[in-house]
Amino acid sequence: RLQGKWGTLSNIFYNPYLPTLDDYFEPWTYDYQNLINAPMADEQPTARAISMVTGKYIDTIEAGPNWDDDLGGSQVYANNDPNFDGGRL
């Protein structure tokens, strides 16, 4: 037992050991309006990353989810994919 009854009861709606945003990635989206509304130019417009937490531009994305590995369930689907069967590639 790590704590008594009162310690457990006092933390029913509060967990002091929750991970912080620094333990994960900062969710972001892109400035798609810049792509749509950009004037004609020799350079192609870019969509800058915008933090979904603060709403400010992100200069460097440090980490993020890998859709294929983490979110897409590839470890389940890859086992059933005939393209990964033995010598057939």
N, C-alpha and C. Protein backbone atom coordinates (compact mmCIF):
# COMPACT_ATOMS: atom_id res chain seq x y z
N ARG A 1 0.84 -1.19 0.00
CA ARG A 1 0.00 0.00 0.00
C ARG A 1 0.87 1.24 0.00
N LEU A 2 0.56 2.12 -0.90
CA LEU A 2 1.34 3.34 -1.00
C LEU A 2 0.80 4.45 -0.11
N GLN A 3 -0.48 4.43 0.15
CA GLN A 3 -1.08 5.46 0.99
C GLN A 3 -2.31 4.91 1.69
N GLY A 4 -2.74 5.60 2.70
CA GLY A 4 -3.89 5.15 3.47
C GLY A 4 -5.21 5.50 2.81
N LYS A 5 -6.29 5.22 3.53
CA LYS A 5 -7.64 5.48 3.01
C LYS A 5 -7.86 6.95 2.71
N TRP A 6 -7.42 7.82 3.62
CA TRP A 6 -7.67 9.25 3.45
C TRP A 6 -6.87 9.81 2.28
N GLY A 7 -5.66 9.31 2.08
CA GLY A 7 -4.86 9.77 0.94
C GLY A 7 -5.50 9.36 -0.37
N THR A 8 -6.02 8.14 -0.43
CA THR A 8 -6.70 7.67 -1.63
C THR A 8 -7.99 8.46 -1.86
N LEU A 9 -8.75 8.68 -0.81
CA LEU A 9 -10.01 9.41 -0.91
C LEU A 9 -9.79 10.86 -1.35
N SER A 10 -8.70 11.47 -0.87
CA SER A 10 -8.45 12.87 -1.23
C SER A 10 -8.02 13.02 -2.69
N ASN A 11 -7.55 11.93 -3.32
CA ASN A 11 -7.10 12.01 -4.71
C ASN A 11 -8.05 11.34 -5.70
N ILE A 12 -9.32 11.20 -5.34
CA ILE A 12 -10.28 10.58 -6.25
C ILE A 12 -10.42 11.41 -7.52
N PHE A 13 -10.52 12.72 -7.40
CA PHE A 13 -10.71 13.58 -8.56
C PHE A 13 -9.44 14.33 -8.96
N TYR A 14 -8.32 14.00 -8.34
CA TYR A 14 -7.06 14.66 -8.65
C TYR A 14 -5.95 13.62 -8.59
N ASN A 15 -5.21 13.49 -9.67
CA ASN A 15 -4.08 12.57 -9.70
C ASN A 15 -2.80 13.39 -9.76
N PRO A 16 -2.00 13.39 -8.70
CA PRO A 16 -0.78 14.21 -8.70
C PRO A 16 0.30 13.66 -9.63
N TYR A 17 0.12 12.49 -10.20
CA TYR A 17 1.16 11.86 -11.02
C TYR A 17 0.81 11.85 -12.50
N LEU A 18 -0.08 12.72 -12.95
CA LEU A 18 -0.43 12.78 -14.36
C LEU A 18 0.75 13.31 -15.18
N PRO A 19 0.95 12.79 -16.37
CA PRO A 19 2.02 13.32 -17.22
C PRO A 19 1.69 14.73 -17.69
N THR A 20 2.72 15.48 -17.99
CA THR A 20 2.53 16.85 -18.46
C THR A 20 2.59 16.89 -19.98
N LEU A 21 2.33 18.04 -20.55
CA LEU A 21 2.39 18.21 -21.99
C LEU A 21 3.81 17.97 -22.51
N ASP A 22 4.82 18.24 -21.68
CA ASP A 22 6.21 18.01 -22.10
C ASP A 22 6.51 16.53 -22.25
N ASP A 23 5.75 15.66 -21.60
CA ASP A 23 5.95 14.22 -21.73
C ASP A 23 5.41 13.69 -23.05
N TYR A 24 4.58 14.45 -23.70
CA TYR A 24 3.99 14.06 -24.98
C TYR A 24 4.41 15.08 -26.03
N PHE A 25 3.71 15.14 -27.12
CA PHE A 25 3.97 16.15 -28.13
C PHE A 25 2.93 17.25 -27.99
N GLU A 26 3.25 18.40 -28.51
CA GLU A 26 2.28 19.49 -28.51
C GLU A 26 1.43 19.36 -29.77
N PRO A 27 0.11 19.21 -29.63
CA PRO A 27 -0.72 19.05 -30.83
C PRO A 27 -0.70 20.32 -31.67
N TRP A 28 -0.70 20.13 -32.98
CA TRP A 28 -0.66 21.28 -33.87
C TRP A 28 -1.54 21.05 -35.09
N THR A 29 -1.80 22.15 -35.76
CA THR A 29 -2.48 22.14 -37.05
C THR A 29 -1.68 23.04 -37.97
N TYR A 30 -2.15 23.26 -39.16
CA TYR A 30 -1.41 24.09 -40.12
C TYR A 30 -2.24 25.29 -40.55
N ASP A 31 -1.56 26.33 -41.00
CA ASP A 31 -2.18 27.55 -41.49
C ASP A 31 -2.58 27.34 -42.96
N TYR A 32 -3.67 26.63 -43.17
CA TYR A 32 -4.11 26.29 -44.52
C TYR A 32 -4.59 27.51 -45.29
N GLN A 33 -5.06 28.54 -44.60
CA GLN A 33 -5.54 29.74 -45.29
C GLN A 33 -4.42 30.42 -46.06
N ASN A 34 -3.19 30.28 -45.58
CA ASN A 34 -2.05 30.85 -46.30
C ASN A 34 -1.87 30.16 -47.65
N LEU A 35 -2.17 28.89 -47.73
CA LEU A 35 -2.07 28.18 -49.01
C LEU A 35 -3.16 28.62 -49.98
N ILE A 36 -4.34 28.83 -49.45
CA ILE A 36 -5.49 29.16 -50.29
C ILE A 36 -5.46 30.62 -50.74
N ASN A 37 -5.11 31.51 -49.82
CA ASN A 37 -5.20 32.95 -50.10
C ASN A 37 -3.88 33.58 -50.53
N ALA A 38 -2.84 32.81 -50.74
CA ALA A 38 -1.54 33.38 -51.11
C ALA A 38 -1.62 33.96 -52.52
N PRO A 39 -1.00 35.12 -52.72
CA PRO A 39 -1.00 35.70 -54.06
C PRO A 39 -0.07 34.91 -54.99
N MET A 40 -0.24 35.11 -56.28
CA MET A 40 0.63 34.44 -57.25
C MET A 40 2.08 34.90 -57.03
N ALA A 41 2.99 33.94 -57.01
CA ALA A 41 4.40 34.25 -56.81
C ALA A 41 5.24 33.14 -57.43
N ASP A 42 6.55 33.40 -57.52
CA ASP A 42 7.46 32.38 -58.05
C ASP A 42 7.68 31.25 -57.04
N GLU A 43 7.59 31.57 -55.76
CA GLU A 43 7.77 30.57 -54.71
C GLU A 43 6.43 29.96 -54.32
N GLN A 44 6.47 28.71 -53.98
CA GLN A 44 5.25 28.03 -53.54
C GLN A 44 4.96 28.42 -52.09
N PRO A 45 3.70 28.74 -51.75
CA PRO A 45 3.38 29.10 -50.36
C PRO A 45 3.50 27.88 -49.45
N THR A 46 3.72 28.16 -48.18
CA THR A 46 3.85 27.08 -47.20
C THR A 46 2.79 27.25 -46.12
N ALA A 47 2.48 26.17 -45.46
CA ALA A 47 1.54 26.20 -44.34
C ALA A 47 2.35 26.03 -43.06
N ARG A 48 2.41 27.06 -42.26
CA ARG A 48 3.17 26.99 -41.01
C ARG A 48 2.38 26.25 -39.95
N ALA A 49 3.11 25.59 -39.05
CA ALA A 49 2.48 24.86 -37.96
C ALA A 49 1.99 25.84 -36.89
N ILE A 50 0.78 25.59 -36.39
CA ILE A 50 0.19 26.41 -35.33
C ILE A 50 -0.17 25.50 -34.17
N SER A 51 0.24 25.90 -32.97
CA SER A 51 -0.07 25.12 -31.77
C SER A 51 -1.57 25.13 -31.51
N MET A 52 -2.13 23.96 -31.23
CA MET A 52 -3.55 23.88 -30.88
C MET A 52 -3.77 24.20 -29.40
N VAL A 53 -2.68 24.35 -28.64
CA VAL A 53 -2.79 24.69 -27.22
C VAL A 53 -2.74 26.21 -27.04
N THR A 54 -1.73 26.85 -27.65
CA THR A 54 -1.55 28.29 -27.45
C THR A 54 -2.07 29.13 -28.61
N GLY A 55 -2.20 28.54 -29.81
CA GLY A 55 -2.63 29.29 -30.98
C GLY A 55 -1.51 30.06 -31.64
N LYS A 56 -0.27 29.92 -31.16
CA LYS A 56 0.88 30.62 -31.74
C LYS A 56 1.59 29.72 -32.74
N TYR A 57 2.37 30.35 -33.62
CA TYR A 57 3.13 29.59 -34.60
C TYR A 57 4.22 28.78 -33.90
N ILE A 58 4.48 27.59 -34.42
CA ILE A 58 5.55 26.73 -33.91
C ILE A 58 6.68 26.78 -34.93
N ASP A 59 7.87 27.21 -34.48
CA ASP A 59 9.01 27.29 -35.39
C ASP A 59 9.57 25.91 -35.73
N THR A 60 9.73 25.08 -34.71
CA THR A 60 10.31 23.75 -34.92
C THR A 60 9.44 22.73 -34.22
N ILE A 61 8.96 21.76 -34.97
CA ILE A 61 8.18 20.67 -34.37
C ILE A 61 9.17 19.65 -33.82
N GLU A 62 9.11 19.41 -32.52
CA GLU A 62 10.09 18.55 -31.87
C GLU A 62 9.69 17.08 -31.91
N ALA A 63 8.44 16.79 -31.74
CA ALA A 63 7.98 15.40 -31.74
C ALA A 63 6.50 15.39 -32.09
N GLY A 64 6.04 14.25 -32.52
CA GLY A 64 4.64 14.12 -32.87
C GLY A 64 4.27 12.67 -33.04
N PRO A 65 3.00 12.40 -33.23
CA PRO A 65 2.59 11.01 -33.39
C PRO A 65 2.99 10.48 -34.76
N ASN A 66 3.34 9.24 -34.80
CA ASN A 66 3.61 8.57 -36.06
C ASN A 66 2.36 7.78 -36.39
N TRP A 67 1.60 8.23 -37.38
CA TRP A 67 0.30 7.64 -37.65
C TRP A 67 0.41 6.15 -37.93
N ASP A 68 1.34 5.74 -38.77
CA ASP A 68 1.45 4.33 -39.14
C ASP A 68 1.78 3.45 -37.94
N ASP A 69 2.68 3.90 -37.10
CA ASP A 69 3.12 3.06 -35.99
C ASP A 69 2.23 3.18 -34.76
N ASP A 70 1.87 4.41 -34.40
CA ASP A 70 1.20 4.63 -33.13
C ASP A 70 -0.32 4.70 -33.23
N LEU A 71 -0.83 5.34 -34.26
CA LEU A 71 -2.25 5.63 -34.32
C LEU A 71 -3.02 4.79 -35.33
N GLY A 72 -2.35 4.26 -36.32
CA GLY A 72 -3.03 3.56 -37.40
C GLY A 72 -3.25 2.08 -37.17
N GLY A 73 -2.69 1.52 -36.10
CA GLY A 73 -2.87 0.11 -35.81
C GLY A 73 -2.10 -0.80 -36.75
N SER A 74 -0.93 -0.33 -37.24
CA SER A 74 -0.20 -1.11 -38.24
C SER A 74 0.31 -2.43 -37.70
N GLN A 75 0.55 -2.53 -36.39
CA GLN A 75 1.01 -3.81 -35.86
C GLN A 75 -0.06 -4.88 -36.00
N VAL A 76 -1.31 -4.49 -36.06
CA VAL A 76 -2.40 -5.45 -36.27
C VAL A 76 -2.58 -5.73 -37.75
N TYR A 77 -2.61 -4.65 -38.57
CA TYR A 77 -2.88 -4.81 -39.99
C TYR A 77 -1.70 -5.40 -40.75
N ALA A 78 -0.48 -5.13 -40.29
CA ALA A 78 0.70 -5.66 -40.99
C ALA A 78 0.75 -7.18 -40.93
N ASN A 79 0.27 -7.76 -39.85
CA ASN A 79 0.27 -9.23 -39.75
C ASN A 79 -0.66 -9.86 -40.77
N ASN A 80 -1.70 -9.16 -41.19
CA ASN A 80 -2.67 -9.69 -42.16
C ASN A 80 -2.43 -9.20 -43.58
N ASP A 81 -1.39 -8.41 -43.80
CA ASP A 81 -1.12 -7.86 -45.13
C ASP A 81 -0.39 -8.89 -45.99
N PRO A 82 -0.96 -9.28 -47.14
CA PRO A 82 -0.30 -10.29 -47.99
C PRO A 82 1.01 -9.79 -48.59
N ASN A 83 1.23 -8.47 -48.64
CA ASN A 83 2.49 -7.95 -49.17
C ASN A 83 3.67 -8.24 -48.25
N PHE A 84 3.41 -8.51 -46.98
CA PHE A 84 4.48 -8.82 -46.04
C PHE A 84 4.62 -10.31 -45.81
N ASP A 85 4.03 -11.12 -46.66
CA ASP A 85 4.03 -12.57 -46.48
C ASP A 85 5.31 -13.18 -47.04
N GLY A 86 6.18 -13.64 -46.15
CA GLY A 86 7.38 -14.37 -46.54
C GLY A 86 8.22 -13.63 -47.56
N GLY A 87 8.48 -14.27 -48.71
CA GLY A 87 9.34 -13.69 -49.72
C GLY A 87 8.61 -12.85 -50.74
N ARG A 88 7.33 -12.69 -50.60
CA ARG A 88 6.55 -11.91 -51.57
C ARG A 88 6.59 -10.43 -51.22
N LEU A 89 7.38 -9.69 -51.94
CA LEU A 89 7.39 -8.23 -51.77
C LEU A 89 7.34 -7.55 -53.10
